[in-house]
Amino acid sequence: MTGVSGAGHRRHTRRVTARELTPAEAAALLRPVDALGLPLGPGQPPAFLTALGERDDWTDLRISGALLTVLTPLFERPGVHYLSGFFGPLERYLRDAGAGISFTAADFRRMGPLMARARPRVLCTAAAPPDADGWCSLSLHAGGTTGELVRAGRDPDRLLVVEVSEHYPRTRGLGEHGHRVHLDDVDVLVRSDARPFAVPDQLAGDVERAIAAHAARFVADGATLQTGIGAVPSAIAAHLATGPGGSYGVHTELFTDGLMQLHLAGKVTNDRKGAYDGVSVTTFALGSPELYAWLHDNPDVAFLPVGVVNAPHVIEQNALMTTINGALAVDVHGQVVADTISGAQYSGIGGAEDFTSGPGYRDDQRALLCLPSTVTVGGEVRSRILPWFEAGTVITTPRHQVDVVITEHGAAELEAKTVRQRGEALAAIAAPQFRAELLEAADRASHGRSPLPPA
């Protein structure tokens, strides 16, 4: 595809080639007191991290990363502390097990500058095997570490470890963003037969399909799409794949099986976008082995750094930009909680703010937040649309950035609405048994007071 290329010409030679070591030999190069930088999720090198977990001599090993996909004893060893920018199931397990783990409140776009500021001595990544010219595609993850990987490799006081496996797809960058690293910039090359972490597509039920039908009303022909992961985005992608619309573009933080299905259905043309026409743009992929096989050498998808993909001014350039994300709870003001549950860290901020605020500057763009209207906790059905949030609740998205909230009961368009109108619209898409309470709270809030009832 025209415009898809590497990161430029050979520009400097630091060594003839990387040293090839076993995972254990590479792990031995870290000091008991050291700092290690990890890519997010699918960029994490499995065999190398597993080998690090076999050591038990750590005094103070500081690890920076996000969305862990490789669980080894490393993260539970004394003397090891893991700083995560996004909690997944493995982070939640480590926290509950008492491991040395902390959460850093930062969106995905800021993780690149934060990694550069921290400047860990050791950087590592998973990659596809080198081609005939010595280039290793960064495969499933561009994210916020691409620049720091090369800087670490070129610094004689730092160490770059690249683990390659035939099971990792070779993917492409675009223009100046090559999405690859050359062996000249690699200190240690580790070969393994590891397979990338796979996530099966989540099956949609009646609730998810109903949400998808409501969301599809906001997706115009020629829209540029961003979707998250989970049953609801998958249901929306399936609905669009079989619906009458088309000529879609893709500009998304995360590339999923649902977006692959849209491509396979012939619904994606990328010819009306405005930003990076002609190609679907993403910064990382997470999904099934079938998705990874489809991405291999696929010229229709380009992996760019998160600082480009998630930049609101870039998102804004796309025609009919329509973003589709999830939420955990919403109150009558339109405040959104998307990354904590009862004060406990559940996930992270990721690109939620960028893809909620980015479409807010043009009339032809929409930002959709989708969630089931209820959740069952301990056998009790609770509303996800609440009169107010309890003290101590951590807000992910402020009220003024929220455009459309969608449940299985309908869509509430909040932008430019008064407090009362917002509350009434949200009550209308809540489960029926909770609507009266929400309307009462909206009435109190509409007078410029707290929605809580008088003491």
Protein backbone atom coordinates (compact mmCIF):
# COMPACT_ATOMS: atom_id res chain seq x y z
CA MET A 1 0.00 0.00 0.00
CA THR A 2 1.28 3.43 -0.91
CA GLY A 3 2.70 5.28 2.07
CA VAL A 4 3.26 2.25 4.27
CA SER A 5 6.96 2.06 4.95
CA GLY A 6 9.67 1.74 7.51
CA ALA A 7 11.27 4.26 9.82
CA GLY A 8 13.61 5.69 7.24
CA HIS A 9 17.01 4.64 5.89
CA ARG A 10 19.86 3.10 7.87
CA ARG A 11 21.16 6.01 9.84
CA HIS A 12 23.82 4.83 12.22
CA THR A 13 25.65 1.64 13.10
CA ARG A 14 26.45 0.86 16.72
CA ARG A 15 27.39 -2.81 16.29
CA VAL A 16 27.43 -5.51 13.64
CA THR A 17 24.37 -7.26 15.06
CA ALA A 18 22.59 -8.10 18.31
CA ARG A 19 23.83 -10.80 20.64
CA GLU A 20 21.62 -13.89 20.59
CA LEU A 21 21.07 -15.22 24.12
CA THR A 22 18.72 -17.67 25.76
CA PRO A 23 15.96 -16.21 27.93
CA ALA A 24 17.91 -17.18 31.07
CA GLU A 25 21.12 -15.61 29.78
CA ALA A 26 19.25 -12.39 28.94
CA ALA A 27 17.56 -12.36 32.36
CA ALA A 28 20.97 -12.66 34.03
CA LEU A 29 21.94 -9.26 32.60
CA LEU A 30 19.59 -7.43 34.96
CA ARG A 31 21.01 -6.28 38.28
CA PRO A 32 19.37 -6.98 41.65
CA VAL A 33 18.74 -3.22 41.82
CA ASP A 34 17.47 -2.17 38.42
CA ALA A 35 14.66 -0.60 36.38
CA LEU A 36 12.76 -2.38 33.59
CA GLY A 37 10.30 -0.87 31.11
CA LEU A 38 7.56 -3.02 29.53
CA PRO A 39 5.23 -2.30 26.63
CA LEU A 40 1.51 -2.63 27.23
CA GLY A 41 -0.16 -6.04 26.93
CA PRO A 42 0.69 -7.89 23.70
CA GLY A 43 4.08 -6.17 23.46
CA GLN A 44 5.37 -7.97 26.57
CA PRO A 45 8.00 -10.72 25.87
CA PRO A 46 6.78 -13.99 27.50
CA ALA A 47 9.94 -16.11 27.61
CA PHE A 48 12.13 -13.27 28.86
CA LEU A 49 9.69 -12.34 31.65
CA THR A 50 9.32 -15.99 32.60
CA ALA A 51 13.10 -16.27 32.91
CA LEU A 52 13.22 -13.17 35.08
CA GLY A 53 10.68 -14.86 37.35
CA GLU A 54 13.07 -17.73 37.97
CA ARG A 55 15.47 -15.38 39.76
CA ASP A 56 14.95 -14.71 43.46
CA ASP A 57 17.83 -12.34 44.19
CA TRP A 58 16.01 -9.06 43.60
CA THR A 59 16.77 -6.22 45.99
CA ASP A 60 14.89 -3.39 44.28
CA LEU A 61 13.64 -4.13 40.78
CA ARG A 62 11.26 -1.44 39.51
CA ILE A 63 9.04 -2.46 36.59
CA SER A 64 6.93 0.00 34.61
CA GLY A 65 4.17 -1.27 32.31
CA ALA A 66 0.44 -1.71 31.81
CA LEU A 67 -2.14 -4.43 31.15
CA LEU A 68 0.00 -7.40 32.12
CA THR A 69 -0.42 -10.46 29.89
CA VAL A 70 2.44 -12.60 31.22
CA LEU A 71 2.11 -13.95 34.76
CA THR A 72 5.33 -15.25 36.28
CA PRO A 73 6.62 -15.46 39.89
CA LEU A 74 8.63 -12.32 39.07
CA PHE A 75 5.80 -10.01 40.10
CA GLU A 76 5.35 -11.69 43.48
CA ARG A 77 9.05 -11.84 44.40
CA PRO A 78 10.30 -9.82 47.38
CA GLY A 79 12.19 -6.77 46.17
CA VAL A 80 10.09 -6.40 43.00
CA HIS A 81 7.65 -3.51 42.55
CA TYR A 82 5.41 -3.20 39.51
CA LEU A 83 3.96 0.18 38.51
CA SER A 84 1.01 -0.34 36.16
CA GLY A 85 -0.81 2.25 34.10
CA PHE A 86 -3.73 -0.07 33.35
CA PHE A 87 -5.07 -2.92 35.47
CA GLY A 88 -6.20 -6.11 33.80
CA PRO A 89 -7.08 -9.46 35.40
CA LEU A 90 -3.44 -10.22 36.25
CA GLU A 91 -2.90 -6.85 37.97
CA ARG A 92 -6.06 -7.37 40.01
CA TYR A 93 -4.83 -10.83 40.99
CA LEU A 94 -1.43 -9.47 42.05
CA ARG A 95 -3.02 -6.68 44.08
CA ASP A 96 -5.34 -9.09 45.89
CA ALA A 97 -2.44 -11.49 46.51
CA GLY A 98 -0.45 -8.74 48.26
CA ALA A 99 2.22 -8.32 45.59
CA GLY A 100 4.22 -5.11 45.24
CA ILE A 101 2.00 -3.35 42.71
CA SER A 102 0.82 0.26 42.35
CA PHE A 103 -1.45 2.05 39.90
CA THR A 104 -0.42 5.23 38.12
CA ALA A 105 -3.29 7.47 37.01
CA ALA A 106 -2.33 8.33 33.45
CA ASP A 107 -4.05 7.95 30.13
CA PHE A 108 -2.40 5.81 27.47
CA ARG A 109 -1.16 8.81 25.46
CA ARG A 110 0.91 10.05 28.41
CA MET A 111 2.65 6.71 28.97
CA GLY A 112 5.25 7.48 26.30
CA PRO A 113 6.45 10.72 27.90
CA LEU A 114 6.29 9.11 31.35
CA MET A 115 8.48 6.21 30.18
CA ALA A 116 10.94 8.65 28.62
CA ARG A 117 11.06 10.64 31.85
CA ALA A 118 11.61 7.50 33.97
CA ARG A 119 14.31 6.29 31.55
CA PRO A 120 14.56 2.70 32.83
CA ARG A 121 17.95 1.11 32.26
CA VAL A 122 16.42 -1.95 30.56
CA LEU A 123 13.69 -1.95 27.90
CA CYS A 124 12.19 -5.08 26.40
CA THR A 125 9.60 -6.00 23.80
CA ALA A 126 8.14 -8.86 21.82
CA ALA A 127 8.55 -8.70 18.05
CA ALA A 128 8.38 -10.67 14.84
CA PRO A 129 11.64 -12.30 13.68
CA PRO A 130 14.06 -10.10 11.71
CA ASP A 131 13.63 -9.91 7.95
CA ALA A 132 16.45 -10.22 5.43
CA ASP A 133 17.49 -6.63 6.11
CA GLY A 134 17.60 -7.02 9.89
CA TRP A 135 14.28 -5.29 10.71
CA CYS A 136 12.02 -6.71 13.43
CA SER A 137 8.39 -5.67 13.19
CA LEU A 138 6.98 -4.64 16.58
CA SER A 139 4.02 -6.85 15.75
CA LEU A 140 0.94 -6.27 17.94
CA HIS A 141 2.00 -3.17 19.88
CA ALA A 142 3.22 0.31 19.00
CA GLY A 143 1.82 2.12 22.03
CA GLY A 144 3.98 4.47 24.05
CA THR A 145 7.32 2.63 24.04
CA THR A 146 8.46 2.71 20.41
CA GLY A 147 10.70 5.76 20.80
CA GLU A 148 12.14 4.67 24.13
CA LEU A 149 13.03 1.22 22.74
CA VAL A 150 15.30 2.77 20.13
CA ARG A 151 16.74 5.31 22.58
CA ALA A 152 17.64 2.52 25.00
CA GLY A 153 19.23 0.45 22.25
CA ARG A 154 21.44 3.31 21.13
CA ASP A 155 22.56 4.24 24.65
CA PRO A 156 25.67 2.29 25.76
CA ASP A 157 24.56 2.60 29.38
CA ARG A 158 21.18 1.01 28.73
CA LEU A 159 19.97 -2.38 27.50
CA LEU A 160 17.37 -3.32 24.85
CA VAL A 161 16.12 -6.91 24.88
CA VAL A 162 13.95 -8.05 21.95
CA GLU A 163 12.23 -11.42 22.04
CA VAL A 164 11.19 -12.76 18.63
CA SER A 165 8.90 -15.64 17.79
CA GLU A 166 7.52 -16.98 14.52
CA HIS A 167 4.07 -16.88 16.10
CA TYR A 168 4.05 -13.07 16.26
CA PRO A 169 2.60 -11.47 13.11
CA ARG A 170 4.65 -9.06 11.06
CA THR A 171 2.67 -5.81 10.93
CA ARG A 172 3.30 -2.43 9.37
CA GLY A 173 3.74 1.19 10.26
CA LEU A 174 3.05 4.24 8.16
CA GLY A 175 5.35 6.90 6.78
CA GLU A 176 7.82 8.11 9.38
CA HIS A 177 6.37 5.72 11.97
CA GLY A 178 8.11 2.52 10.95
CA HIS A 179 6.76 0.23 13.69
CA ARG A 180 10.00 -1.75 13.68
CA VAL A 181 13.44 -1.92 15.24
CA HIS A 182 16.72 -2.85 13.53
CA LEU A 183 19.16 -5.41 14.86
CA ASP A 184 21.78 -2.65 14.93
CA ASP A 185 19.77 -1.06 17.74
CA VAL A 186 19.19 -4.29 19.68
CA ASP A 187 21.52 -5.35 22.48
CA VAL A 188 20.08 -8.82 23.04
CA LEU A 189 17.95 -10.95 20.74
CA VAL A 190 16.02 -13.78 22.40
CA ARG A 191 14.40 -16.41 20.19
CA SER A 192 11.40 -18.30 21.54
CA ASP A 193 8.34 -20.21 20.38
CA ALA A 194 5.98 -18.12 22.53
CA ARG A 195 2.53 -17.30 21.22
CA PRO A 196 0.98 -13.87 21.72
CA PHE A 197 -1.63 -13.54 24.44
CA ALA A 198 -5.05 -14.23 22.95
CA VAL A 199 -8.47 -13.05 24.08
CA PRO A 200 -11.51 -14.91 22.72
CA ASP A 201 -14.26 -12.74 21.30
CA GLN A 202 -16.99 -12.31 23.91
CA LEU A 203 -20.42 -13.62 22.97
CA ALA A 204 -23.23 -11.08 22.90
CA GLY A 205 -26.54 -11.69 24.64
CA ASP A 206 -29.90 -9.97 24.27
CA VAL A 207 -28.76 -6.92 26.27
CA GLU A 208 -25.64 -6.39 24.17
CA ARG A 209 -27.57 -6.82 20.92
CA ALA A 210 -30.15 -4.27 22.05
CA ILE A 211 -27.38 -1.79 22.92
CA ALA A 212 -25.82 -2.42 19.50
CA ALA A 213 -29.09 -1.65 17.72
CA HIS A 214 -29.40 1.68 19.54
CA ALA A 215 -25.75 2.56 18.90
CA ALA A 216 -25.99 1.77 15.19
CA ARG A 217 -28.43 4.67 14.76
CA PHE A 218 -25.52 7.04 15.41
CA VAL A 219 -23.17 5.43 12.86
CA ALA A 220 -23.57 7.08 9.46
CA ASP A 221 -22.32 5.76 6.15
CA GLY A 222 -18.67 6.74 5.79
CA ALA A 223 -18.16 7.12 9.54
CA THR A 224 -14.68 6.69 10.98
CA LEU A 225 -14.92 4.20 13.84
CA GLN A 226 -13.15 3.59 17.12
CA THR A 227 -14.22 0.69 19.33
CA GLY A 228 -13.07 -0.83 22.58
CA ILE A 229 -13.01 -4.47 23.63
CA GLY A 230 -15.80 -6.60 25.08
CA ALA A 231 -19.19 -8.03 24.26
CA VAL A 232 -20.88 -4.67 23.54
CA PRO A 233 -18.34 -3.39 20.95
CA SER A 234 -18.31 -6.87 19.37
CA ALA A 235 -22.10 -6.79 19.12
CA ILE A 236 -21.98 -3.34 17.54
CA ALA A 237 -19.36 -4.46 15.00
CA ALA A 238 -21.46 -7.54 14.16
CA HIS A 239 -24.55 -5.37 13.75
CA LEU A 240 -22.71 -3.02 11.40
CA ALA A 241 -21.14 -5.91 9.48
CA THR A 242 -24.57 -7.27 8.54
CA GLY A 243 -26.36 -3.91 8.27
CA PRO A 244 -26.98 -1.73 5.23
CA GLY A 245 -24.29 0.89 5.93
CA GLY A 246 -20.67 0.90 4.87
CA SER A 247 -17.70 2.83 3.48
CA TYR A 248 -16.39 3.01 7.05
CA GLY A 249 -12.96 4.09 8.16
CA VAL A 250 -11.09 2.86 11.23
CA HIS A 251 -9.04 5.03 13.59
CA THR A 252 -8.83 3.18 16.88
CA GLU A 253 -6.55 2.69 19.86
CA LEU A 254 -7.31 -1.05 19.94
CA PHE A 255 -7.83 -3.34 16.96
CA THR A 256 -10.17 -6.24 17.70
CA ASP A 257 -11.85 -9.25 16.11
CA GLY A 258 -14.95 -7.12 15.57
CA LEU A 259 -13.04 -4.66 13.41
CA MET A 260 -11.54 -7.57 11.46
CA GLN A 261 -15.09 -8.81 10.81
CA LEU A 262 -16.04 -5.38 9.48
CA HIS A 263 -13.10 -5.60 7.06
CA LEU A 264 -14.03 -9.12 5.98
CA ALA A 265 -17.62 -8.01 5.39
CA GLY A 266 -16.34 -5.39 2.93
CA LYS A 267 -17.62 -2.54 5.08
CA VAL A 268 -14.26 -0.77 5.56
CA THR A 269 -12.85 1.36 2.75
CA ASN A 270 -10.95 4.10 4.65
CA ASP A 271 -11.50 6.46 1.72
CA ARG A 272 -13.38 9.26 3.52
CA LYS A 273 -11.44 9.68 6.75
CA GLY A 274 -9.30 12.78 6.61
CA ALA A 275 -6.51 11.47 8.85
CA TYR A 276 -4.46 8.68 7.25
CA ASP A 277 -6.79 7.90 4.38
CA GLY A 278 -6.54 4.48 2.77
CA VAL A 279 -5.58 2.48 5.85
CA SER A 280 -7.05 1.44 9.19
CA VAL A 281 -5.02 2.99 12.00
CA THR A 282 -4.39 1.45 15.43
CA THR A 283 -1.77 1.41 18.17
CA PHE A 284 -2.19 -2.17 19.44
CA ALA A 285 -4.20 -5.32 18.74
CA LEU A 286 -5.70 -7.78 21.19
CA GLY A 287 -7.92 -10.65 20.20
CA SER A 288 -8.01 -14.18 18.83
CA PRO A 289 -5.30 -16.19 17.02
CA GLU A 290 -7.43 -15.73 13.91
CA LEU A 291 -7.08 -11.95 14.24
CA TYR A 292 -3.31 -12.23 14.59
CA ALA A 293 -3.06 -14.44 11.50
CA TRP A 294 -5.20 -11.96 9.53
CA LEU A 295 -2.97 -9.05 10.59
CA HIS A 296 0.21 -10.79 9.36
CA ASP A 297 1.63 -8.76 6.44
CA ASN A 298 -1.76 -7.06 6.04
CA PRO A 299 -1.30 -3.75 4.18
CA ASP A 300 -4.75 -2.52 5.22
CA VAL A 301 -3.79 -1.90 8.88
CA ALA A 302 -1.08 0.45 10.16
CA PHE A 303 0.27 0.50 13.73
CA LEU A 304 1.25 3.99 14.91
CA PRO A 305 2.47 5.30 18.29
CA VAL A 306 -0.29 6.06 20.77
CA GLY A 307 0.83 9.68 20.90
CA VAL A 308 -0.35 9.95 17.29
CA VAL A 309 -3.40 7.68 17.30
CA ASN A 310 -4.92 9.08 20.50
CA ALA A 311 -4.10 12.75 19.98
CA PRO A 312 -7.43 14.65 20.07
CA HIS A 313 -6.32 16.98 17.27
CA VAL A 314 -5.68 13.92 15.04
CA ILE A 315 -8.96 12.24 16.05
CA GLU A 316 -10.75 15.49 15.20
CA GLN A 317 -9.48 15.39 11.62
CA ASN A 318 -11.52 12.29 10.81
CA ALA A 319 -14.82 12.80 9.04
CA LEU A 320 -17.89 11.52 10.89
CA MET A 321 -15.69 10.25 13.73
CA THR A 322 -17.82 7.95 15.90
CA THR A 323 -16.24 6.52 19.05
CA ILE A 324 -17.72 3.57 20.92
CA ASN A 325 -16.57 2.87 24.46
CA GLY A 326 -17.84 1.33 27.67
CA ALA A 327 -18.57 2.58 31.16
CA LEU A 328 -19.27 1.05 34.55
CA ALA A 329 -21.66 3.66 35.94
CA VAL A 330 -23.13 7.10 35.20
CA ASP A 331 -24.84 9.59 37.55
CA VAL A 332 -27.66 12.03 36.76
CA HIS A 333 -25.16 14.80 35.96
CA GLY A 334 -23.51 12.61 33.31
CA GLN A 335 -20.34 11.93 35.27
CA VAL A 336 -18.82 8.60 34.25
CA VAL A 337 -16.97 5.95 36.23
CA ALA A 338 -15.15 3.61 33.87
CA ASP A 339 -12.11 2.24 35.68
CA THR A 340 -12.94 1.64 39.38
CA ILE A 341 -15.53 -0.40 41.27
CA SER A 342 -16.42 0.61 44.84
CA GLY A 343 -13.15 2.52 45.06
CA ALA A 344 -11.01 -0.42 43.91
CA GLN A 345 -8.98 -0.07 40.73
CA TYR A 346 -10.52 -2.28 38.04
CA SER A 347 -8.94 -1.23 34.75
CA GLY A 348 -7.47 2.13 33.76
CA ILE A 349 -8.04 5.35 31.89
CA GLY A 350 -6.47 4.18 28.64
CA GLY A 351 -7.80 6.22 25.73
CA ALA A 352 -11.24 6.85 27.22
CA GLU A 353 -10.72 10.59 27.64
CA ASP A 354 -9.10 11.10 24.25
CA PHE A 355 -11.85 9.33 22.35
CA THR A 356 -14.59 11.01 24.37
CA SER A 357 -13.22 14.54 24.06
CA GLY A 358 -11.63 14.24 20.60
CA PRO A 359 -14.95 14.09 18.70
CA GLY A 360 -16.37 17.00 20.69
CA TYR A 361 -15.14 19.79 18.43
CA ARG A 362 -17.06 19.02 15.24
CA ASP A 363 -20.80 18.75 14.66
CA ASP A 364 -20.46 15.64 12.50
CA GLN A 365 -18.75 13.55 15.21
CA ARG A 366 -20.24 11.51 18.06
CA ALA A 367 -18.86 9.86 21.19
CA LEU A 368 -20.94 6.92 22.45
CA LEU A 369 -20.63 5.42 25.95
CA CYS A 370 -22.37 2.05 26.17
CA LEU A 371 -23.31 0.01 29.25
CA PRO A 372 -26.01 -2.39 30.45
CA SER A 373 -28.56 -0.59 32.62
CA THR A 374 -28.09 -2.95 35.60
CA VAL A 375 -25.57 -5.18 37.32
CA THR A 376 -26.24 -8.02 39.77
CA VAL A 377 -24.12 -7.99 42.93
CA GLY A 378 -24.62 -10.71 45.52
CA GLY A 379 -27.97 -11.60 43.99
CA GLU A 380 -29.20 -7.98 44.13
CA VAL A 381 -30.01 -6.10 40.93
CA ARG A 382 -28.49 -2.62 40.99
CA SER A 383 -28.76 0.25 38.56
CA ARG A 384 -25.65 1.38 36.72
CA ILE A 385 -27.29 4.78 36.25
CA LEU A 386 -27.22 6.35 39.70
CA PRO A 387 -28.79 9.37 41.38
CA TRP A 388 -25.37 10.25 42.77
CA PHE A 389 -21.99 8.70 43.40
CA GLU A 390 -20.94 7.87 46.92
CA ALA A 391 -18.15 9.80 48.62
CA GLY A 392 -14.77 8.53 47.50
CA THR A 393 -15.90 7.51 44.02
CA VAL A 394 -13.21 8.14 41.40
CA ILE A 395 -14.59 9.87 38.29
CA THR A 396 -13.08 8.85 34.95
CA THR A 397 -14.87 11.25 32.61
CA PRO A 398 -16.25 14.64 33.70
CA ARG A 399 -19.83 15.50 32.83
CA HIS A 400 -19.02 18.23 30.32
CA GLN A 401 -17.26 15.83 27.95
CA VAL A 402 -20.08 13.27 27.68
CA ASP A 403 -22.10 13.16 24.46
CA VAL A 404 -24.32 10.04 24.25
CA VAL A 405 -25.00 7.33 26.86
CA ILE A 406 -26.59 4.11 25.58
CA THR A 407 -28.18 1.16 27.41
CA GLU A 408 -30.46 -1.61 26.19
CA HIS A 409 -33.37 0.76 26.87
CA GLY A 410 -32.26 3.51 24.50
CA ALA A 411 -29.90 6.44 24.01
CA ALA A 412 -29.56 9.60 26.11
CA GLU A 413 -28.03 12.54 24.22
CA LEU A 414 -26.51 14.77 26.89
CA GLU A 415 -24.45 17.35 25.05
CA ALA A 416 -25.81 20.91 25.53
CA LYS A 417 -28.58 19.64 27.82
CA THR A 418 -29.49 21.26 31.15
CA VAL A 419 -29.01 19.33 34.38
CA ARG A 420 -32.71 18.48 34.51
CA GLN A 421 -32.76 17.41 30.86
CA ARG A 422 -29.72 15.22 31.40
CA GLY A 423 -31.27 13.55 34.42
CA GLU A 424 -34.56 12.96 32.61
CA ALA A 425 -32.80 11.52 29.55
CA LEU A 426 -30.70 9.19 31.70
CA ALA A 427 -33.74 8.10 33.74
CA ALA A 428 -35.48 7.15 30.52
CA ILE A 429 -32.75 4.62 29.62
CA ALA A 430 -32.39 3.18 33.13
CA ALA A 431 -34.13 -0.01 34.19
CA PRO A 432 -37.81 0.90 34.86
CA GLN A 433 -37.73 0.13 38.61
CA PHE A 434 -35.05 2.81 39.17
CA ARG A 435 -36.49 5.65 37.11
CA ALA A 436 -38.55 7.40 39.79
CA GLU A 437 -35.54 7.74 42.09
CA LEU A 438 -33.46 9.14 39.26
CA LEU A 439 -36.10 11.70 38.32
CA GLU A 440 -36.30 12.88 41.93
CA ALA A 441 -32.52 13.30 42.01
CA ALA A 442 -32.58 15.16 38.70
CA ASP A 443 -35.20 17.54 40.07
CA ARG A 444 -33.03 18.34 43.12
CA ALA A 445 -29.90 18.74 41.00
CA SER A 446 -31.64 21.03 38.51
CA HIS A 447 -31.81 23.77 41.15
CA GLY A 448 -28.04 23.86 41.43
CA ARG A 449 -27.92 21.65 44.50
CA SER A 450 -26.61 18.19 45.25
CA PRO A 451 -28.89 15.43 43.99
CA LEU A 452 -28.74 13.82 47.43
CA PRO A 453 -31.99 14.13 49.40
CA PRO A 454 -31.99 16.63 52.31
CA ALA A 455 -30.56 15.21 55.51
